[in-house]
N, C-alpha and C. Protein backbone atom coordinates (compact mmCIF):
# COMPACT_ATOMS: atom_id res chain seq x y z
N MET A 1 24.53 1.60 29.07
CA MET A 1 23.70 0.61 29.71
C MET A 1 23.70 -0.70 28.94
N GLY A 2 24.11 -0.66 27.72
CA GLY A 2 24.41 -1.89 27.03
C GLY A 2 23.30 -2.45 26.15
N ASP A 3 23.69 -3.53 25.49
CA ASP A 3 22.79 -4.19 24.55
C ASP A 3 21.57 -4.80 25.22
N PHE A 4 21.75 -5.37 26.42
CA PHE A 4 20.61 -5.98 27.10
C PHE A 4 19.53 -4.95 27.37
N PHE A 5 19.92 -3.78 27.85
CA PHE A 5 18.95 -2.72 28.14
C PHE A 5 18.21 -2.31 26.87
N GLN A 6 18.94 -2.12 25.78
CA GLN A 6 18.30 -1.73 24.51
C GLN A 6 17.30 -2.79 24.07
N ALA A 7 17.68 -4.07 24.16
CA ALA A 7 16.78 -5.15 23.77
C ALA A 7 15.59 -5.24 24.71
N PHE A 8 15.83 -5.03 26.00
CA PHE A 8 14.75 -5.08 26.99
C PHE A 8 13.71 -4.01 26.70
N VAL A 9 14.14 -2.81 26.46
CA VAL A 9 13.23 -1.69 26.21
C VAL A 9 12.50 -1.90 24.88
N LYS A 10 13.21 -2.40 23.89
CA LYS A 10 12.61 -2.57 22.56
C LYS A 10 11.59 -3.71 22.52
N ASN A 11 11.86 -4.80 23.22
CA ASN A 11 11.05 -6.00 23.08
C ASN A 11 9.97 -6.18 24.14
N ARG A 12 9.95 -5.35 25.16
CA ARG A 12 8.97 -5.53 26.23
C ARG A 12 8.36 -4.20 26.60
N LYS A 13 7.14 -4.30 27.05
CA LYS A 13 6.51 -3.11 27.62
C LYS A 13 6.73 -3.17 29.12
N ALA A 14 7.14 -2.06 29.68
CA ALA A 14 7.32 -1.96 31.12
C ALA A 14 6.45 -0.82 31.61
N ASP A 15 5.88 -0.99 32.78
CA ASP A 15 5.06 0.08 33.33
C ASP A 15 5.92 1.31 33.63
N PHE A 16 7.05 1.08 34.29
CA PHE A 16 7.97 2.17 34.61
C PHE A 16 9.40 1.66 34.53
N ILE A 17 10.27 2.48 33.98
CA ILE A 17 11.70 2.21 34.02
C ILE A 17 12.36 3.46 34.60
N ILE A 18 13.06 3.28 35.68
CA ILE A 18 13.78 4.38 36.32
C ILE A 18 15.26 4.17 36.10
N ILE A 19 15.92 5.21 35.66
CA ILE A 19 17.38 5.17 35.52
C ILE A 19 17.93 6.07 36.60
N LYS A 20 18.60 5.45 37.54
CA LYS A 20 19.11 6.16 38.73
C LYS A 20 20.60 6.43 38.56
N ASN A 21 20.98 7.66 38.77
CA ASN A 21 22.39 8.08 38.68
C ASN A 21 23.02 7.75 37.34
N GLY A 22 22.21 7.68 36.30
CA GLY A 22 22.73 7.46 34.96
C GLY A 22 23.12 6.04 34.62
N ASN A 23 23.07 5.13 35.60
CA ASN A 23 23.51 3.77 35.30
C ASN A 23 22.72 2.66 35.98
N LYS A 24 21.96 2.95 37.00
CA LYS A 24 21.19 1.92 37.70
C LYS A 24 19.78 1.88 37.12
N VAL A 25 19.39 0.74 36.55
CA VAL A 25 18.09 0.61 35.92
C VAL A 25 17.16 -0.17 36.84
N ILE A 26 15.96 0.39 37.05
CA ILE A 26 14.96 -0.25 37.89
C ILE A 26 13.68 -0.37 37.08
N ASN A 27 13.20 -1.59 36.92
CA ASN A 27 11.93 -1.86 36.25
C ASN A 27 10.85 -2.01 37.32
N ILE A 28 9.79 -1.21 37.23
CA ILE A 28 8.67 -1.31 38.17
C ILE A 28 7.44 -1.74 37.39
N GLU A 29 6.81 -2.81 37.84
CA GLU A 29 5.56 -3.28 37.25
C GLU A 29 4.45 -3.12 38.28
N VAL A 30 3.28 -2.69 37.81
CA VAL A 30 2.15 -2.41 38.68
C VAL A 30 0.91 -3.07 38.11
N ASN A 31 0.15 -3.77 38.97
CA ASN A 31 -1.13 -4.33 38.54
C ASN A 31 -2.10 -4.45 39.70
N PHE A 32 -3.36 -4.61 39.36
CA PHE A 32 -4.45 -4.71 40.33
C PHE A 32 -5.42 -5.76 39.82
N TYR A 33 -5.78 -6.71 40.67
CA TYR A 33 -6.68 -7.78 40.28
C TYR A 33 -7.98 -7.68 41.05
N SER A 34 -9.06 -7.42 40.31
CA SER A 34 -10.37 -7.29 40.95
C SER A 34 -11.11 -8.63 40.99
N GLY A 35 -10.60 -9.63 40.30
CA GLY A 35 -11.23 -10.94 40.30
C GLY A 35 -10.19 -12.04 40.25
N THR A 36 -10.61 -13.25 40.54
CA THR A 36 -9.69 -14.39 40.51
C THR A 36 -9.61 -14.93 39.10
N GLY A 37 -8.70 -15.83 38.91
CA GLY A 37 -8.51 -16.44 37.60
C GLY A 37 -7.08 -16.87 37.41
N SER A 38 -6.75 -17.21 36.19
CA SER A 38 -5.41 -17.72 35.92
C SER A 38 -4.37 -16.60 35.75
N LYS A 39 -4.81 -15.39 35.51
CA LYS A 39 -3.87 -14.30 35.27
C LYS A 39 -2.89 -14.07 36.43
N PRO A 40 -3.36 -13.99 37.68
CA PRO A 40 -2.38 -13.82 38.78
C PRO A 40 -1.36 -14.95 38.85
N GLN A 41 -1.77 -16.17 38.55
CA GLN A 41 -0.84 -17.30 38.58
C GLN A 41 0.23 -17.14 37.52
N GLU A 42 -0.18 -16.75 36.33
CA GLU A 42 0.76 -16.57 35.23
C GLU A 42 1.73 -15.43 35.51
N ILE A 43 1.22 -14.38 36.08
CA ILE A 43 2.03 -13.19 36.29
C ILE A 43 3.12 -13.42 37.34
N VAL A 44 2.84 -14.21 38.36
CA VAL A 44 3.85 -14.49 39.39
C VAL A 44 5.07 -15.14 38.74
N ASP A 45 4.84 -16.18 37.97
CA ASP A 45 5.96 -16.87 37.33
C ASP A 45 6.69 -15.97 36.35
N SER A 46 5.95 -15.18 35.59
CA SER A 46 6.62 -14.32 34.60
C SER A 46 7.44 -13.23 35.29
N TYR A 47 6.96 -12.71 36.43
CA TYR A 47 7.72 -11.67 37.12
C TYR A 47 8.92 -12.24 37.86
N ILE A 48 8.83 -13.45 38.34
CA ILE A 48 10.00 -14.10 38.94
C ILE A 48 11.07 -14.27 37.86
N GLU A 49 10.64 -14.72 36.70
CA GLU A 49 11.56 -14.91 35.58
C GLU A 49 12.16 -13.57 35.13
N ARG A 50 11.32 -12.55 35.05
CA ARG A 50 11.82 -11.23 34.64
C ARG A 50 12.85 -10.71 35.64
N GLN A 51 12.54 -10.81 36.94
CA GLN A 51 13.49 -10.34 37.95
C GLN A 51 14.83 -11.05 37.80
N ASN A 52 14.80 -12.37 37.60
CA ASN A 52 16.04 -13.13 37.48
C ASN A 52 16.85 -12.68 36.27
N GLU A 53 16.17 -12.45 35.15
CA GLU A 53 16.85 -12.00 33.95
C GLU A 53 17.45 -10.61 34.15
N LEU A 54 16.68 -9.73 34.77
CA LEU A 54 17.18 -8.38 35.03
C LEU A 54 18.38 -8.41 35.98
N LYS A 55 18.27 -9.19 37.05
CA LYS A 55 19.36 -9.30 38.04
C LYS A 55 20.65 -9.76 37.38
N GLU A 56 20.54 -10.75 36.47
CA GLU A 56 21.72 -11.27 35.78
C GLU A 56 22.44 -10.18 35.00
N ASN A 57 21.71 -9.13 34.66
CA ASN A 57 22.28 -8.03 33.88
C ASN A 57 22.48 -6.76 34.69
N GLY A 58 22.39 -6.89 36.02
CA GLY A 58 22.69 -5.78 36.90
C GLY A 58 21.55 -4.80 37.14
N PHE A 59 20.33 -5.18 36.77
CA PHE A 59 19.18 -4.31 36.94
C PHE A 59 18.32 -4.77 38.11
N GLU A 60 17.45 -3.90 38.57
CA GLU A 60 16.56 -4.20 39.69
C GLU A 60 15.11 -4.30 39.20
N PHE A 61 14.29 -4.98 40.00
CA PHE A 61 12.88 -5.18 39.66
C PHE A 61 12.02 -4.96 40.90
N ILE A 62 10.96 -4.18 40.75
CA ILE A 62 10.00 -3.95 41.83
C ILE A 62 8.62 -4.26 41.27
N TRP A 63 7.84 -5.00 42.04
CA TRP A 63 6.48 -5.35 41.62
C TRP A 63 5.51 -4.80 42.66
N ILE A 64 4.56 -4.00 42.19
CA ILE A 64 3.51 -3.47 43.04
C ILE A 64 2.20 -4.07 42.56
N THR A 65 1.51 -4.78 43.44
CA THR A 65 0.25 -5.42 43.08
C THR A 65 -0.73 -5.35 44.23
N ASP A 66 -1.99 -5.42 43.91
CA ASP A 66 -3.02 -5.37 44.95
C ASP A 66 -4.32 -5.86 44.34
N GLY A 67 -5.34 -5.94 45.15
CA GLY A 67 -6.67 -6.27 44.68
C GLY A 67 -7.26 -7.50 45.34
N ILE A 68 -8.57 -7.54 45.34
CA ILE A 68 -9.32 -8.64 45.95
C ILE A 68 -9.06 -9.97 45.23
N GLY A 69 -8.60 -9.88 43.98
CA GLY A 69 -8.31 -11.09 43.21
C GLY A 69 -7.24 -11.97 43.82
N TRP A 70 -6.40 -11.39 44.65
CA TRP A 70 -5.36 -12.18 45.31
C TRP A 70 -5.91 -13.02 46.46
N LYS A 71 -7.12 -12.69 46.92
CA LYS A 71 -7.68 -13.38 48.09
C LYS A 71 -7.72 -14.90 47.90
N GLY A 72 -8.07 -15.36 46.74
CA GLY A 72 -8.11 -16.79 46.48
C GLY A 72 -6.81 -17.34 45.93
N GLN A 73 -5.78 -16.54 45.89
CA GLN A 73 -4.50 -16.93 45.29
C GLN A 73 -3.35 -16.85 46.29
N LYS A 74 -3.64 -17.17 47.53
CA LYS A 74 -2.62 -16.97 48.57
C LYS A 74 -1.35 -17.77 48.32
N ASN A 75 -1.46 -18.96 47.75
CA ASN A 75 -0.25 -19.74 47.47
C ASN A 75 0.63 -19.04 46.44
N GLN A 76 0.00 -18.48 45.41
CA GLN A 76 0.76 -17.77 44.39
C GLN A 76 1.39 -16.50 44.95
N LEU A 77 0.63 -15.80 45.78
CA LEU A 77 1.16 -14.58 46.39
C LEU A 77 2.33 -14.90 47.32
N HIS A 78 2.20 -15.98 48.06
CA HIS A 78 3.29 -16.42 48.94
C HIS A 78 4.54 -16.75 48.10
N LYS A 79 4.33 -17.42 46.98
CA LYS A 79 5.44 -17.74 46.08
C LYS A 79 6.13 -16.45 45.61
N GLY A 80 5.35 -15.44 45.28
CA GLY A 80 5.91 -14.16 44.87
C GLY A 80 6.73 -13.52 45.97
N PHE A 81 6.19 -13.52 47.19
CA PHE A 81 6.93 -12.93 48.31
C PHE A 81 8.23 -13.67 48.60
N GLU A 82 8.25 -14.97 48.35
CA GLU A 82 9.47 -15.75 48.58
C GLU A 82 10.54 -15.47 47.52
N ARG A 83 10.11 -15.18 46.28
CA ARG A 83 11.07 -15.14 45.18
C ARG A 83 11.30 -13.77 44.55
N VAL A 84 10.43 -12.82 44.78
CA VAL A 84 10.62 -11.48 44.23
C VAL A 84 11.18 -10.60 45.35
N ASN A 85 12.30 -9.99 45.11
CA ASN A 85 12.98 -9.22 46.16
C ASN A 85 12.15 -8.06 46.67
N TYR A 86 11.47 -7.37 45.77
CA TYR A 86 10.69 -6.20 46.16
C TYR A 86 9.26 -6.36 45.65
N LEU A 87 8.40 -6.88 46.50
CA LEU A 87 6.99 -7.08 46.18
C LEU A 87 6.17 -6.28 47.18
N LEU A 88 5.41 -5.31 46.68
CA LEU A 88 4.67 -4.39 47.53
C LEU A 88 3.19 -4.39 47.17
N ASN A 89 2.36 -4.01 48.13
CA ASN A 89 0.97 -3.69 47.82
C ASN A 89 0.77 -2.20 48.05
N LEU A 90 -0.44 -1.72 47.81
CA LEU A 90 -0.68 -0.28 47.93
C LEU A 90 -0.47 0.23 49.35
N TYR A 91 -0.77 -0.59 50.33
CA TYR A 91 -0.55 -0.19 51.72
C TYR A 91 0.93 0.11 51.96
N PHE A 92 1.81 -0.78 51.50
CA PHE A 92 3.25 -0.57 51.66
C PHE A 92 3.71 0.69 50.95
N VAL A 93 3.17 0.92 49.74
CA VAL A 93 3.56 2.11 48.99
C VAL A 93 3.15 3.37 49.75
N ARG A 94 1.91 3.39 50.25
CA ARG A 94 1.43 4.56 51.01
C ARG A 94 2.25 4.80 52.27
N LYS A 95 2.79 3.76 52.84
CA LYS A 95 3.60 3.90 54.06
C LYS A 95 5.04 4.31 53.75
N GLY A 96 5.38 4.48 52.48
CA GLY A 96 6.70 4.98 52.12
C GLY A 96 7.73 3.92 51.78
N LEU A 97 7.34 2.66 51.71
CA LEU A 97 8.31 1.60 51.46
C LEU A 97 8.89 1.67 50.05
N LEU A 98 8.09 2.05 49.06
CA LEU A 98 8.63 2.17 47.71
C LEU A 98 9.73 3.23 47.67
N GLU A 99 9.46 4.37 48.25
CA GLU A 99 10.46 5.44 48.28
C GLU A 99 11.73 4.97 49.00
N GLU A 100 11.56 4.26 50.09
CA GLU A 100 12.71 3.75 50.84
C GLU A 100 13.53 2.79 49.98
N ILE A 101 12.86 1.90 49.26
CA ILE A 101 13.55 0.94 48.40
C ILE A 101 14.31 1.68 47.29
N LEU A 102 13.66 2.65 46.68
CA LEU A 102 14.30 3.39 45.60
C LEU A 102 15.55 4.13 46.08
N TRP A 103 15.54 4.64 47.28
CA TRP A 103 16.73 5.30 47.83
C TRP A 103 17.83 4.29 48.12
N ARG A 104 17.42 3.08 48.55
CA ARG A 104 18.39 2.07 48.97
C ARG A 104 19.10 1.40 47.78
N ILE A 105 18.38 1.20 46.69
CA ILE A 105 19.01 0.47 45.56
C ILE A 105 19.60 1.40 44.52
């Protein structure tokens, strides 16, 4: 999986890392926001950046997020949906979309 993977695992905390078929790496990040604030804004940009870095190295990124805190952050959430390939909420996960994505990639 290479030097990038070793550095990624060593230098960052990831909620979940799935290794599919011995060579496909998928990073899944999960969060829930119960209130508004600057954290959702910061996280959108950091996850867009993370996805881009992972993609450059042949890895996939899935972000699962939910919570009432997004209610006042619609612009940031829209930005995430435009730029993150796989952005899900709990409703989508319960409907089987996460499983479908994992089979597809």
